[in-house]
Amino acid sequence: SLKPEDTAVYYCNVKTGAYDYWGQGTQVT
């Protein structure tokens, strides 16, 4: 049920005890 306001770059995030990791981002329009 996607809406126009969901348009954004979506980033994956992984948290360990020591570090935060990020993906490069994927565009959703």
mmCIF file of all heavy atoms, coordinates in Angstrom:
data_MODEL
# 
_entry.id   MODEL 
# 
loop_
_atom_site.group_PDB 
_atom_site.id 
_atom_site.type_symbol 
_atom_site.label_atom_id 
_atom_site.label_alt_id 
_atom_site.label_comp_id 
_atom_site.label_asym_id 
_atom_site.label_entity_id 
_atom_site.label_seq_id 
_atom_site.pdbx_PDB_ins_code 
_atom_site.Cartn_x 
_atom_site.Cartn_y 
_atom_site.Cartn_z 
_atom_site.occupancy 
_atom_site.B_iso_or_equiv 
_atom_site.pdbx_formal_charge 
_atom_site.auth_seq_id 
_atom_site.auth_comp_id 
_atom_site.auth_asym_id 
_atom_site.auth_atom_id 
_atom_site.pdbx_PDB_model_num 
ATOM 1   N N   . SER A 1 1  ? 0.836  -1.215 0.000  1.00 0.00 ? 1  SER A N   1 
ATOM 2   C CA  . SER A 1 1  ? 0.000  0.000  0.000  1.00 0.00 ? 1  SER A CA  1 
ATOM 3   C C   . SER A 1 1  ? 0.866  1.259  0.000  1.00 0.00 ? 1  SER A C   1 
ATOM 4   O O   . SER A 1 1  ? 0.657  2.180  0.798  1.00 0.00 ? 1  SER A O   1 
ATOM 5   C CB  . SER A 1 1  ? -0.929 -0.001 1.226  1.00 0.00 ? 1  SER A CB  1 
ATOM 6   O OG  . SER A 1 1  ? -1.757 -1.140 1.239  1.00 0.00 ? 1  SER A OG  1 
ATOM 7   N N   . LEU A 1 2  ? 1.814  1.277  -0.888 1.00 0.00 ? 2  LEU A N   1 
ATOM 8   C CA  . LEU A 1 2  ? 2.763  2.390  -0.930 1.00 0.00 ? 2  LEU A CA  1 
ATOM 9   C C   . LEU A 1 2  ? 2.076  3.698  -1.295 1.00 0.00 ? 2  LEU A C   1 
ATOM 10  O O   . LEU A 1 2  ? 1.117  3.724  -2.084 1.00 0.00 ? 2  LEU A O   1 
ATOM 11  C CB  . LEU A 1 2  ? 3.887  2.086  -1.907 1.00 0.00 ? 2  LEU A CB  1 
ATOM 12  C CG  . LEU A 1 2  ? 4.946  1.119  -1.363 1.00 0.00 ? 2  LEU A CG  1 
ATOM 13  C CD1 . LEU A 1 2  ? 5.741  0.480  -2.486 1.00 0.00 ? 2  LEU A CD1 1 
ATOM 14  C CD2 . LEU A 1 2  ? 5.867  1.851  -0.397 1.00 0.00 ? 2  LEU A CD2 1 
ATOM 15  N N   . LYS A 1 3  ? 2.588  4.764  -0.703 1.00 0.00 ? 3  LYS A N   1 
ATOM 16  C CA  . LYS A 1 3  ? 2.053  6.104  -0.907 1.00 0.00 ? 3  LYS A CA  1 
ATOM 17  C C   . LYS A 1 3  ? 3.150  7.009  -1.480 1.00 0.00 ? 3  LYS A C   1 
ATOM 18  O O   . LYS A 1 3  ? 4.342  6.745  -1.259 1.00 0.00 ? 3  LYS A O   1 
ATOM 19  C CB  . LYS A 1 3  ? 1.576  6.692  0.421  1.00 0.00 ? 3  LYS A CB  1 
ATOM 20  C CG  . LYS A 1 3  ? 0.547  5.843  1.154  1.00 0.00 ? 3  LYS A CG  1 
ATOM 21  C CD  . LYS A 1 3  ? 0.227  6.457  2.510  1.00 0.00 ? 3  LYS A CD  1 
ATOM 22  C CE  . LYS A 1 3  ? -0.794 5.609  3.263  1.00 0.00 ? 3  LYS A CE  1 
ATOM 23  N NZ  . LYS A 1 3  ? -1.114 6.196  4.591  1.00 0.00 ? 3  LYS A NZ  1 
ATOM 24  N N   . PRO A 1 4  ? 2.770  8.076  -2.165 1.00 0.00 ? 4  PRO A N   1 
ATOM 25  C CA  . PRO A 1 4  ? 3.803  8.988  -2.682 1.00 0.00 ? 4  PRO A CA  1 
ATOM 26  C C   . PRO A 1 4  ? 4.739  9.508  -1.595 1.00 0.00 ? 4  PRO A C   1 
ATOM 27  O O   . PRO A 1 4  ? 5.934  9.728  -1.849 1.00 0.00 ? 4  PRO A O   1 
ATOM 28  C CB  . PRO A 1 4  ? 2.972  10.120 -3.296 1.00 0.00 ? 4  PRO A CB  1 
ATOM 29  C CG  . PRO A 1 4  ? 1.708  9.462  -3.720 1.00 0.00 ? 4  PRO A CG  1 
ATOM 30  C CD  . PRO A 1 4  ? 1.433  8.427  -2.654 1.00 0.00 ? 4  PRO A CD  1 
ATOM 31  N N   . GLU A 1 5  ? 4.228  9.666  -0.380 1.00 0.00 ? 5  GLU A N   1 
ATOM 32  C CA  . GLU A 1 5  ? 5.075  10.159 0.709  1.00 0.00 ? 5  GLU A CA  1 
ATOM 33  C C   . GLU A 1 5  ? 6.089  9.129  1.201  1.00 0.00 ? 5  GLU A C   1 
ATOM 34  O O   . GLU A 1 5  ? 6.939  9.443  2.035  1.00 0.00 ? 5  GLU A O   1 
ATOM 35  C CB  . GLU A 1 5  ? 4.225  10.659 1.886  1.00 0.00 ? 5  GLU A CB  1 
ATOM 36  C CG  . GLU A 1 5  ? 3.165  9.687  2.362  1.00 0.00 ? 5  GLU A CG  1 
ATOM 37  C CD  . GLU A 1 5  ? 1.797  9.983  1.757  1.00 0.00 ? 5  GLU A CD  1 
ATOM 38  O OE1 . GLU A 1 5  ? 1.723  10.252 0.526  1.00 0.00 ? 5  GLU A OE1 1 
ATOM 39  O OE2 . GLU A 1 5  ? 0.806  9.917  2.518  1.00 0.00 ? 5  GLU A OE2 1 
ATOM 40  N N   . ASP A 1 6  ? 6.015  7.914  0.689  1.00 0.00 ? 6  ASP A N   1 
ATOM 41  C CA  . ASP A 1 6  ? 7.040  6.901  0.997  1.00 0.00 ? 6  ASP A CA  1 
ATOM 42  C C   . ASP A 1 6  ? 8.261  7.054  0.095  1.00 0.00 ? 6  ASP A C   1 
ATOM 43  O O   . ASP A 1 6  ? 9.264  6.366  0.288  1.00 0.00 ? 6  ASP A O   1 
ATOM 44  C CB  . ASP A 1 6  ? 6.469  5.491  0.821  1.00 0.00 ? 6  ASP A CB  1 
ATOM 45  C CG  . ASP A 1 6  ? 5.372  5.174  1.817  1.00 0.00 ? 6  ASP A CG  1 
ATOM 46  O OD1 . ASP A 1 6  ? 5.527  5.522  3.005  1.00 0.00 ? 6  ASP A OD1 1 
ATOM 47  O OD2 . ASP A 1 6  ? 4.363  4.554  1.402  1.00 0.00 ? 6  ASP A OD2 1 
ATOM 48  N N   . THR A 1 7  ? 8.181  7.933  -0.880 1.00 0.00 ? 7  THR A N   1 
ATOM 49  C CA  . THR A 1 7  ? 9.307  8.158  -1.779 1.00 0.00 ? 7  THR A CA  1 
ATOM 50  C C   . THR A 1 7  ? 10.523 8.648  -1.006 1.00 0.00 ? 7  THR A C   1 
ATOM 51  O O   . THR A 1 7  ? 10.455 9.631  -0.272 1.00 0.00 ? 7  THR A O   1 
ATOM 52  C CB  . THR A 1 7  ? 8.929  9.187  -2.863 1.00 0.00 ? 7  THR A CB  1 
ATOM 53  O OG1 . THR A 1 7  ? 7.888  8.641  -3.685 1.00 0.00 ? 7  THR A OG1 1 
ATOM 54  C CG2 . THR A 1 7  ? 10.137 9.538  -3.733 1.00 0.00 ? 7  THR A CG2 1 
ATOM 55  N N   . ALA A 1 8  ? 11.646 7.945  -1.164 1.00 0.00 ? 8  ALA A N   1 
ATOM 56  C CA  . ALA A 1 8  ? 12.868 8.271  -0.433 1.00 0.00 ? 8  ALA A CA  1 
ATOM 57  C C   . ALA A 1 8  ? 13.973 7.317  -0.865 1.00 0.00 ? 8  ALA A C   1 
ATOM 58  O O   . ALA A 1 8  ? 13.725 6.336  -1.573 1.00 0.00 ? 8  ALA A O   1 
ATOM 59  C CB  . ALA A 1 8  ? 12.642 8.145  1.078  1.00 0.00 ? 8  ALA A CB  1 
ATOM 60  N N   . VAL A 1 9  ? 15.165 7.611  -0.392 1.00 0.00 ? 9  VAL A N   1 
ATOM 61  C CA  . VAL A 1 9  ? 16.252 6.632  -0.477 1.00 0.00 ? 9  VAL A CA  1 
ATOM 62  C C   . VAL A 1 9  ? 16.204 5.813  0.807  1.00 0.00 ? 9  VAL A C   1 
ATOM 63  O O   . VAL A 1 9  ? 16.186 6.381  1.909  1.00 0.00 ? 9  VAL A O   1 
ATOM 64  C CB  . VAL A 1 9  ? 17.623 7.322  -0.630 1.00 0.00 ? 9  VAL A CB  1 
ATOM 65  C CG1 . VAL A 1 9  ? 18.730 6.273  -0.665 1.00 0.00 ? 9  VAL A CG1 1 
ATOM 66  C CG2 . VAL A 1 9  ? 17.655 8.172  -1.891 1.00 0.00 ? 9  VAL A CG2 1 
ATOM 67  N N   . TYR A 1 10 ? 16.154 4.506  0.655  1.00 0.00 ? 10 TYR A N   1 
ATOM 68  C CA  . TYR A 1 10 ? 16.065 3.601  1.793  1.00 0.00 ? 10 TYR A CA  1 
ATOM 69  C C   . TYR A 1 10 ? 17.441 2.996  2.069  1.00 0.00 ? 10 TYR A C   1 
ATOM 70  O O   . TYR A 1 10 ? 18.100 2.490  1.148  1.00 0.00 ? 10 TYR A O   1 
ATOM 71  C CB  . TYR A 1 10 ? 15.038 2.506  1.508  1.00 0.00 ? 10 TYR A CB  1 
ATOM 72  C CG  . TYR A 1 10 ? 13.621 3.001  1.629  1.00 0.00 ? 10 TYR A CG  1 
ATOM 73  C CD1 . TYR A 1 10 ? 13.098 3.890  0.702  1.00 0.00 ? 10 TYR A CD1 1 
ATOM 74  C CD2 . TYR A 1 10 ? 12.804 2.595  2.678  1.00 0.00 ? 10 TYR A CD2 1 
ATOM 75  C CE1 . TYR A 1 10 ? 11.800 4.366  0.827  1.00 0.00 ? 10 TYR A CE1 1 
ATOM 76  C CE2 . TYR A 1 10 ? 11.504 3.069  2.807  1.00 0.00 ? 10 TYR A CE2 1 
ATOM 77  C CZ  . TYR A 1 10 ? 11.016 3.961  1.880  1.00 0.00 ? 10 TYR A CZ  1 
ATOM 78  O OH  . TYR A 1 10 ? 9.737  4.447  2.005  1.00 0.00 ? 10 TYR A OH  1 
ATOM 79  N N   . TYR A 1 11 ? 17.837 3.046  3.347  1.00 0.00 ? 11 TYR A N   1 
ATOM 80  C CA  . TYR A 1 11 ? 19.142 2.565  3.769  1.00 0.00 ? 11 TYR A CA  1 
ATOM 81  C C   . TYR A 1 11 ? 18.998 1.406  4.744  1.00 0.00 ? 11 TYR A C   1 
ATOM 82  O O   . TYR A 1 11 ? 18.231 1.482  5.711  1.00 0.00 ? 11 TYR A O   1 
ATOM 83  C CB  . TYR A 1 11 ? 19.929 3.673  4.458  1.00 0.00 ? 11 TYR A CB  1 
ATOM 84  C CG  . TYR A 1 11 ? 20.272 4.849  3.577  1.00 0.00 ? 11 TYR A CG  1 
ATOM 85  C CD1 . TYR A 1 11 ? 19.415 5.940  3.489  1.00 0.00 ? 11 TYR A CD1 1 
ATOM 86  C CD2 . TYR A 1 11 ? 21.450 4.863  2.834  1.00 0.00 ? 11 TYR A CD2 1 
ATOM 87  C CE1 . TYR A 1 11 ? 19.718 7.028  2.686  1.00 0.00 ? 11 TYR A CE1 1 
ATOM 88  C CE2 . TYR A 1 11 ? 21.767 5.946  2.022  1.00 0.00 ? 11 TYR A CE2 1 
ATOM 89  C CZ  . TYR A 1 11 ? 20.890 7.022  1.959  1.00 0.00 ? 11 TYR A CZ  1 
ATOM 90  O OH  . TYR A 1 11 ? 21.206 8.091  1.157  1.00 0.00 ? 11 TYR A OH  1 
ATOM 91  N N   . CYS A 1 12 ? 19.779 0.376  4.494  1.00 0.00 ? 12 CYS A N   1 
ATOM 92  C CA  . CYS A 1 12 ? 19.869 -0.738 5.420  1.00 0.00 ? 12 CYS A CA  1 
ATOM 93  C C   . CYS A 1 12 ? 20.856 -0.369 6.531  1.00 0.00 ? 12 CYS A C   1 
ATOM 94  O O   . CYS A 1 12 ? 21.871 0.295  6.272  1.00 0.00 ? 12 CYS A O   1 
ATOM 95  C CB  . CYS A 1 12 ? 20.357 -1.963 4.652  1.00 0.00 ? 12 CYS A CB  1 
ATOM 96  S SG  . CYS A 1 12 ? 20.794 -3.377 5.644  1.00 0.00 ? 12 CYS A SG  1 
ATOM 97  N N   . ASN A 1 13 ? 20.572 -0.810 7.744  1.00 0.00 ? 13 ASN A N   1 
ATOM 98  C CA  . ASN A 1 13 ? 21.445 -0.544 8.883  1.00 0.00 ? 13 ASN A CA  1 
ATOM 99  C C   . ASN A 1 13 ? 21.641 -1.821 9.690  1.00 0.00 ? 13 ASN A C   1 
ATOM 100 O O   . ASN A 1 13 ? 20.689 -2.552 9.944  1.00 0.00 ? 13 ASN A O   1 
ATOM 101 C CB  . ASN A 1 13 ? 20.827 0.546  9.764  1.00 0.00 ? 13 ASN A CB  1 
ATOM 102 C CG  . ASN A 1 13 ? 21.611 0.758  11.043 1.00 0.00 ? 13 ASN A CG  1 
ATOM 103 O OD1 . ASN A 1 13 ? 21.233 0.277  12.098 1.00 0.00 ? 13 ASN A OD1 1 
ATOM 104 N ND2 . ASN A 1 13 ? 22.706 1.490  10.944 1.00 0.00 ? 13 ASN A ND2 1 
ATOM 105 N N   . VAL A 1 14 ? 22.889 -2.072 10.060 1.00 0.00 ? 14 VAL A N   1 
ATOM 106 C CA  . VAL A 1 14 ? 23.224 -3.225 10.898 1.00 0.00 ? 14 VAL A CA  1 
ATOM 107 C C   . VAL A 1 14 ? 24.000 -2.724 12.111 1.00 0.00 ? 14 VAL A C   1 
ATOM 108 O O   . VAL A 1 14 ? 24.986 -2.000 11.958 1.00 0.00 ? 14 VAL A O   1 
ATOM 109 C CB  . VAL A 1 14 ? 24.064 -4.255 10.126 1.00 0.00 ? 14 VAL A CB  1 
ATOM 110 C CG1 . VAL A 1 14 ? 24.554 -5.341 11.073 1.00 0.00 ? 14 VAL A CG1 1 
ATOM 111 C CG2 . VAL A 1 14 ? 23.249 -4.870 8.995  1.00 0.00 ? 14 VAL A CG2 1 
ATOM 112 N N   . LYS A 1 15 ? 23.535 -3.104 13.286 1.00 0.00 ? 15 LYS A N   1 
ATOM 113 C CA  . LYS A 1 15 ? 24.182 -2.670 14.530 1.00 0.00 ? 15 LYS A CA  1 
ATOM 114 C C   . LYS A 1 15 ? 24.841 -3.859 15.211 1.00 0.00 ? 15 LYS A C   1 
ATOM 115 O O   . LYS A 1 15 ? 24.209 -4.889 15.449 1.00 0.00 ? 15 LYS A O   1 
ATOM 116 C CB  . LYS A 1 15 ? 23.154 -2.053 15.476 1.00 0.00 ? 15 LYS A CB  1 
ATOM 117 C CG  . LYS A 1 15 ? 22.463 -0.822 14.942 1.00 0.00 ? 15 LYS A CG  1 
ATOM 118 C CD  . LYS A 1 15 ? 21.527 -0.228 15.981 1.00 0.00 ? 15 LYS A CD  1 
ATOM 119 C CE  . LYS A 1 15 ? 20.685 0.907  15.408 1.00 0.00 ? 15 LYS A CE  1 
ATOM 120 N NZ  . LYS A 1 15 ? 21.514 2.023  14.920 1.00 0.00 ? 15 LYS A NZ  1 
ATOM 121 N N   . THR A 1 16 ? 26.127 -3.704 15.522 1.00 0.00 ? 16 THR A N   1 
ATOM 122 C CA  . THR A 1 16 ? 26.797 -4.636 16.397 1.00 0.00 ? 16 THR A CA  1 
ATOM 123 C C   . THR A 1 16 ? 27.082 -3.903 17.708 1.00 0.00 ? 16 THR A C   1 
ATOM 124 O O   . THR A 1 16 ? 26.745 -2.726 17.839 1.00 0.00 ? 16 THR A O   1 
ATOM 125 C CB  . THR A 1 16 ? 28.107 -5.133 15.778 1.00 0.00 ? 16 THR A CB  1 
ATOM 126 O OG1 . THR A 1 16 ? 29.047 -4.040 15.725 1.00 0.00 ? 16 THR A OG1 1 
ATOM 127 C CG2 . THR A 1 16 ? 27.883 -5.662 14.360 1.00 0.00 ? 16 THR A CG2 1 
ATOM 128 N N   . GLY A 1 17 ? 27.732 -4.547 18.650 1.00 0.00 ? 17 GLY A N   1 
ATOM 129 C CA  . GLY A 1 17 ? 28.030 -3.848 19.890 1.00 0.00 ? 17 GLY A CA  1 
ATOM 130 C C   . GLY A 1 17 ? 29.019 -2.716 19.691 1.00 0.00 ? 17 GLY A C   1 
ATOM 131 O O   . GLY A 1 17 ? 29.006 -1.731 20.429 1.00 0.00 ? 17 GLY A O   1 
ATOM 132 N N   . ALA A 1 18 ? 29.856 -2.839 18.671 1.00 0.00 ? 18 ALA A N   1 
ATOM 133 C CA  . ALA A 1 18 ? 30.926 -1.876 18.475 1.00 0.00 ? 18 ALA A CA  1 
ATOM 134 C C   . ALA A 1 18 ? 30.668 -0.906 17.325 1.00 0.00 ? 18 ALA A C   1 
ATOM 135 O O   . ALA A 1 18 ? 31.102 0.247  17.386 1.00 0.00 ? 18 ALA A O   1 
ATOM 136 C CB  . ALA A 1 18 ? 32.239 -2.610 18.226 1.00 0.00 ? 18 ALA A CB  1 
ATOM 137 N N   . TYR A 1 19 ? 29.993 -1.349 16.302 1.00 0.00 ? 19 TYR A N   1 
ATOM 138 C CA  . TYR A 1 19 ? 29.872 -0.544 15.097 1.00 0.00 ? 19 TYR A CA  1 
ATOM 139 C C   . TYR A 1 19 ? 28.457 -0.519 14.558 1.00 0.00 ? 19 TYR A C   1 
ATOM 140 O O   . TYR A 1 19 ? 27.639 -1.398 14.810 1.00 0.00 ? 19 TYR A O   1 
ATOM 141 C CB  . TYR A 1 19 ? 30.793 -1.103 13.994 1.00 0.00 ? 19 TYR A CB  1 
ATOM 142 C CG  . TYR A 1 19 ? 32.255 -1.118 14.367 1.00 0.00 ? 19 TYR A CG  1 
ATOM 143 C CD1 . TYR A 1 19 ? 32.868 -2.319 14.728 1.00 0.00 ? 19 TYR A CD1 1 
ATOM 144 C CD2 . TYR A 1 19 ? 33.020 0.042  14.377 1.00 0.00 ? 19 TYR A CD2 1 
ATOM 145 C CE1 . TYR A 1 19 ? 34.201 -2.356 15.084 1.00 0.00 ? 19 TYR A CE1 1 
ATOM 146 C CE2 . TYR A 1 19 ? 34.352 0.010  14.728 1.00 0.00 ? 19 TYR A CE2 1 
ATOM 147 C CZ  . TYR A 1 19 ? 34.939 -1.190 15.078 1.00 0.00 ? 19 TYR A CZ  1 
ATOM 148 O OH  . TYR A 1 19 ? 36.260 -1.222 15.434 1.00 0.00 ? 19 TYR A OH  1 
ATOM 149 N N   . ASP A 1 20 ? 28.228 0.551  13.778 1.00 0.00 ? 20 ASP A N   1 
ATOM 150 C CA  . ASP A 1 20 ? 27.011 0.710  12.979 1.00 0.00 ? 20 ASP A CA  1 
ATOM 151 C C   . ASP A 1 20 ? 27.427 0.635  11.514 1.00 0.00 ? 20 ASP A C   1 
ATOM 152 O O   . ASP A 1 20 ? 28.340 1.365  11.101 1.00 0.00 ? 20 ASP A O   1 
ATOM 153 C CB  . ASP A 1 20 ? 26.414 2.098  13.231 1.00 0.00 ? 20 ASP A CB  1 
ATOM 154 C CG  . ASP A 1 20 ? 25.079 2.036  13.911 1.00 0.00 ? 20 ASP A CG  1 
ATOM 155 O OD1 . ASP A 1 20 ? 24.773 0.993  14.512 1.00 0.00 ? 20 ASP A OD1 1 
ATOM 156 O OD2 . ASP A 1 20 ? 24.321 3.020  13.824 1.00 0.00 ? 20 ASP A OD2 1 
ATOM 157 N N   . TYR A 1 21 ? 26.754 -0.189 10.741 1.00 0.00 ? 21 TYR A N   1 
ATOM 158 C CA  . TYR A 1 21 ? 27.065 -0.305 9.326  1.00 0.00 ? 21 TYR A CA  1 
ATOM 159 C C   . TYR A 1 21 ? 25.860 0.142  8.501  1.00 0.00 ? 21 TYR A C   1 
ATOM 160 O O   . TYR A 1 21 ? 24.708 -0.107 8.884  1.00 0.00 ? 21 TYR A O   1 
ATOM 161 C CB  . TYR A 1 21 ? 27.419 -1.749 8.967  1.00 0.00 ? 21 TYR A CB  1 
ATOM 162 C CG  . TYR A 1 21 ? 28.622 -2.286 9.694  1.00 0.00 ? 21 TYR A CG  1 
ATOM 163 C CD1 . TYR A 1 21 ? 28.469 -3.092 10.815 1.00 0.00 ? 21 TYR A CD1 1 
ATOM 164 C CD2 . TYR A 1 21 ? 29.918 -1.993 9.262  1.00 0.00 ? 21 TYR A CD2 1 
ATOM 165 C CE1 . TYR A 1 21 ? 29.576 -3.592 11.491 1.00 0.00 ? 21 TYR A CE1 1 
ATOM 166 C CE2 . TYR A 1 21 ? 31.021 -2.494 9.928  1.00 0.00 ? 21 TYR A CE2 1 
ATOM 167 C CZ  . TYR A 1 21 ? 30.852 -3.285 11.043 1.00 0.00 ? 21 TYR A CZ  1 
ATOM 168 O OH  . TYR A 1 21 ? 31.943 -3.772 11.716 1.00 0.00 ? 21 TYR A OH  1 
ATOM 169 N N   . TRP A 1 22 ? 26.167 0.781  7.351  1.00 0.00 ? 22 TRP A N   1 
ATOM 170 C CA  . TRP A 1 22 ? 25.112 1.298  6.478  1.00 0.00 ? 22 TRP A CA  1 
ATOM 171 C C   . TRP A 1 22 ? 25.276 0.782  5.057  1.00 0.00 ? 22 TRP A C   1 
ATOM 172 O O   . TRP A 1 22 ? 26.402 0.660  4.554  1.00 0.00 ? 22 TRP A O   1 
ATOM 173 C CB  . TRP A 1 22 ? 25.146 2.826  6.450  1.00 0.00 ? 22 TRP A CB  1 
ATOM 174 C CG  . TRP A 1 22 ? 24.774 3.453  7.753  1.00 0.00 ? 22 TRP A CG  1 
ATOM 175 C CD1 . TRP A 1 22 ? 25.605 3.790  8.770  1.00 0.00 ? 22 TRP A CD1 1 
ATOM 176 C CD2 . TRP A 1 22 ? 23.447 3.786  8.189  1.00 0.00 ? 22 TRP A CD2 1 
ATOM 177 N NE1 . TRP A 1 22 ? 24.888 4.334  9.815  1.00 0.00 ? 22 TRP A NE1 1 
ATOM 178 C CE2 . TRP A 1 22 ? 23.562 4.344  9.481  1.00 0.00 ? 22 TRP A CE2 1 
ATOM 179 C CE3 . TRP A 1 22 ? 22.178 3.688  7.625  1.00 0.00 ? 22 TRP A CE3 1 
ATOM 180 C CZ2 . TRP A 1 22 ? 22.459 4.790  10.217 1.00 0.00 ? 22 TRP A CZ2 1 
ATOM 181 C CZ3 . TRP A 1 22 ? 21.086 4.138  8.340  1.00 0.00 ? 22 TRP A CZ3 1 
ATOM 182 C CH2 . TRP A 1 22 ? 21.229 4.676  9.617  1.00 0.00 ? 22 TRP A CH2 1 
ATOM 183 N N   . GLY A 1 23 ? 24.150 0.520  4.407  1.00 0.00 ? 23 GLY A N   1 
ATOM 184 C CA  . GLY A 1 23 ? 24.163 0.210  3.003  1.00 0.00 ? 23 GLY A CA  1 
ATOM 185 C C   . GLY A 1 23 ? 24.288 1.477  2.172  1.00 0.00 ? 23 GLY A C   1 
ATOM 186 O O   . GLY A 1 23 ? 24.268 2.584  2.699  1.00 0.00 ? 23 GLY A O   1 
ATOM 187 N N   . GLN A 1 24 ? 24.400 1.296  0.868  1.00 0.00 ? 24 GLN A N   1 
ATOM 188 C CA  . GLN A 1 24 ? 24.611 2.430  -0.022 1.00 0.00 ? 24 GLN A CA  1 
ATOM 189 C C   . GLN A 1 24 ? 23.316 3.162  -0.337 1.00 0.00 ? 24 GLN A C   1 
ATOM 190 O O   . GLN A 1 24 ? 23.339 4.284  -0.856 1.00 0.00 ? 24 GLN A O   1 
ATOM 191 C CB  . GLN A 1 24 ? 25.264 1.957  -1.339 1.00 0.00 ? 24 GLN A CB  1 
ATOM 192 C CG  . GLN A 1 24 ? 24.312 1.324  -2.353 1.00 0.00 ? 24 GLN A CG  1 
ATOM 193 C CD  . GLN A 1 24 ? 23.920 -0.108 -2.017 1.00 0.00 ? 24 GLN A CD  1 
ATOM 194 O OE1 . GLN A 1 24 ? 24.337 -0.668 -0.995 1.00 0.00 ? 24 GLN A OE1 1 
ATOM 195 N NE2 . GLN A 1 24 ? 23.114 -0.707 -2.880 1.00 0.00 ? 24 GLN A NE2 1 
ATOM 196 N N   . GLY A 1 25 ? 22.196 2.552  -0.035 1.00 0.00 ? 25 GLY A N   1 
ATOM 197 C CA  . GLY A 1 25 ? 20.910 3.181  -0.282 1.00 0.00 ? 25 GLY A CA  1 
ATOM 198 C C   . GLY A 1 25 ? 20.284 2.710  -1.578 1.00 0.00 ? 25 GLY A C   1 
ATOM 199 O O   . GLY A 1 25 ? 20.983 2.461  -2.561 1.00 0.00 ? 25 GLY A O   1 
ATOM 200 N N   . THR A 1 26 ? 18.973 2.581  -1.569 1.00 0.00 ? 26 THR A N   1 
ATOM 201 C CA  . THR A 1 26 ? 18.241 2.214  -2.770 1.00 0.00 ? 26 THR A CA  1 
ATOM 202 C C   . THR A 1 26 ? 17.033 3.137  -2.904 1.00 0.00 ? 26 THR A C   1 
ATOM 203 O O   . THR A 1 26 ? 16.331 3.385  -1.927 1.00 0.00 ? 26 THR A O   1 
ATOM 204 C CB  . THR A 1 26 ? 17.819 0.728  -2.741 1.00 0.00 ? 26 THR A CB  1 
ATOM 205 O OG1 . THR A 1 26 ? 17.203 0.376  -3.979 1.00 0.00 ? 26 THR A OG1 1 
ATOM 206 C CG2 . THR A 1 26 ? 16.859 0.418  -1.598 1.00 0.00 ? 26 THR A CG2 1 
ATOM 207 N N   . GLN A 1 27 ? 16.818 3.650  -4.091 1.00 0.00 ? 27 GLN A N   1 
ATOM 208 C CA  . GLN A 1 27 ? 15.753 4.621  -4.322 1.00 0.00 ? 27 GLN A CA  1 
ATOM 209 C C   . GLN A 1 27 ? 14.409 3.920  -4.457 1.00 0.00 ? 27 GLN A C   1 
ATOM 210 O O   . GLN A 1 27 ? 14.266 2.959  -5.222 1.00 0.00 ? 27 GLN A O   1 
ATOM 211 C CB  . GLN A 1 27 ? 16.027 5.439  -5.578 1.00 0.00 ? 27 GLN A CB  1 
ATOM 212 C CG  . GLN A 1 27 ? 14.944 6.443  -5.941 1.00 0.00 ? 27 GLN A CG  1 
ATOM 213 C CD  . GLN A 1 27 ? 14.879 7.611  -4.968 1.00 0.00 ? 27 GLN A CD  1 
ATOM 214 O OE1 . GLN A 1 27 ? 15.916 8.172  -4.593 1.00 0.00 ? 27 GLN A OE1 1 
ATOM 215 N NE2 . GLN A 1 27 ? 13.671 7.979  -4.563 1.00 0.00 ? 27 GLN A NE2 1 
ATOM 216 N N   . VAL A 1 28 ? 13.440 4.430  -3.729 1.00 0.00 ? 28 VAL A N   1 
ATOM 217 C CA  . VAL A 1 28 ? 12.049 3.999  -3.871 1.00 0.00 ? 28 VAL A CA  1 
ATOM 218 C C   . VAL A 1 28 ? 11.236 5.229  -4.276 1.00 0.00 ? 28 VAL A C   1 
ATOM 219 O O   . VAL A 1 28 ? 11.252 6.241  -3.572 1.00 0.00 ? 28 VAL A O   1 
ATOM 220 C CB  . VAL A 1 28 ? 11.499 3.410  -2.564 1.00 0.00 ? 28 VAL A CB  1 
ATOM 221 C CG1 . VAL A 1 28 ? 9.992  3.172  -2.678 1.00 0.00 ? 28 VAL A CG1 1 
ATOM 222 C CG2 . VAL A 1 28 ? 12.212 2.114  -2.225 1.00 0.00 ? 28 VAL A CG2 1 
ATOM 223 N N   . THR A 1 29 ? 10.572 5.136  -5.411 1.00 0.00 ? 29 THR A N   1 
ATOM 224 C CA  . THR A 1 29 ? 9.762  6.242  -5.900 1.00 0.00 ? 29 THR A CA  1 
ATOM 225 C C   . THR A 1 29 ? 8.334  5.755  -6.113 1.00 0.00 ? 29 THR A C   1 
ATOM 226 O O   . THR A 1 29 ? 8.117  4.763  -6.816 1.00 0.00 ? 29 THR A O   1 
ATOM 227 C CB  . THR A 1 29 ? 10.315 6.796  -7.224 1.00 0.00 ? 29 THR A CB  1 
ATOM 228 O OG1 . THR A 1 29 ? 11.670 7.215  -7.028 1.00 0.00 ? 29 THR A OG1 1 
ATOM 229 C CG2 . THR A 1 29 ? 9.486  7.983  -7.692 1.00 0.00 ? 29 THR A CG2 1 
# 
